[in-house]
Amino acid sequence: MIAAATRLLARDGLEGTSFSTVLAESGAPRGSIYHHFPEGKDQLVREAVEEVGRRFVIYLDSLAPATPRDAVREVTAVWRSVLESSRVTSGCAIAAVAV
């Protein structure tokens, strides 16, 4: 459900992400979302954003740039790839929540 929430946040933003859309995207039974996220949508979004943050830190740690400029180029290339492959329908789940 967290993976589904991160995809939906990146694609549809905070307003477009609901328990119903997460359930449809994940295929999980309705009762499971209330069991795993008893605090509601806020808890689901918080955990999804934390997961995206963890994955991004792991990605950054995997970089071996020679210079800070090279690091920026590598990160920019990855984001360009994400945007192009989604035809600019997907972005950053964290930015979607922050904006």
Foldseek 3Di string as FASTA:
>chain_A
DLVLQFFCCQQPFDVRDALVSSCVSVVDDSVVVCVVCVVGPVSSLVVSLVVLVVVVVVVLVPDDDPDVVRSVVVVVVVQVVVCVVVVNSGHGSVVSHVD
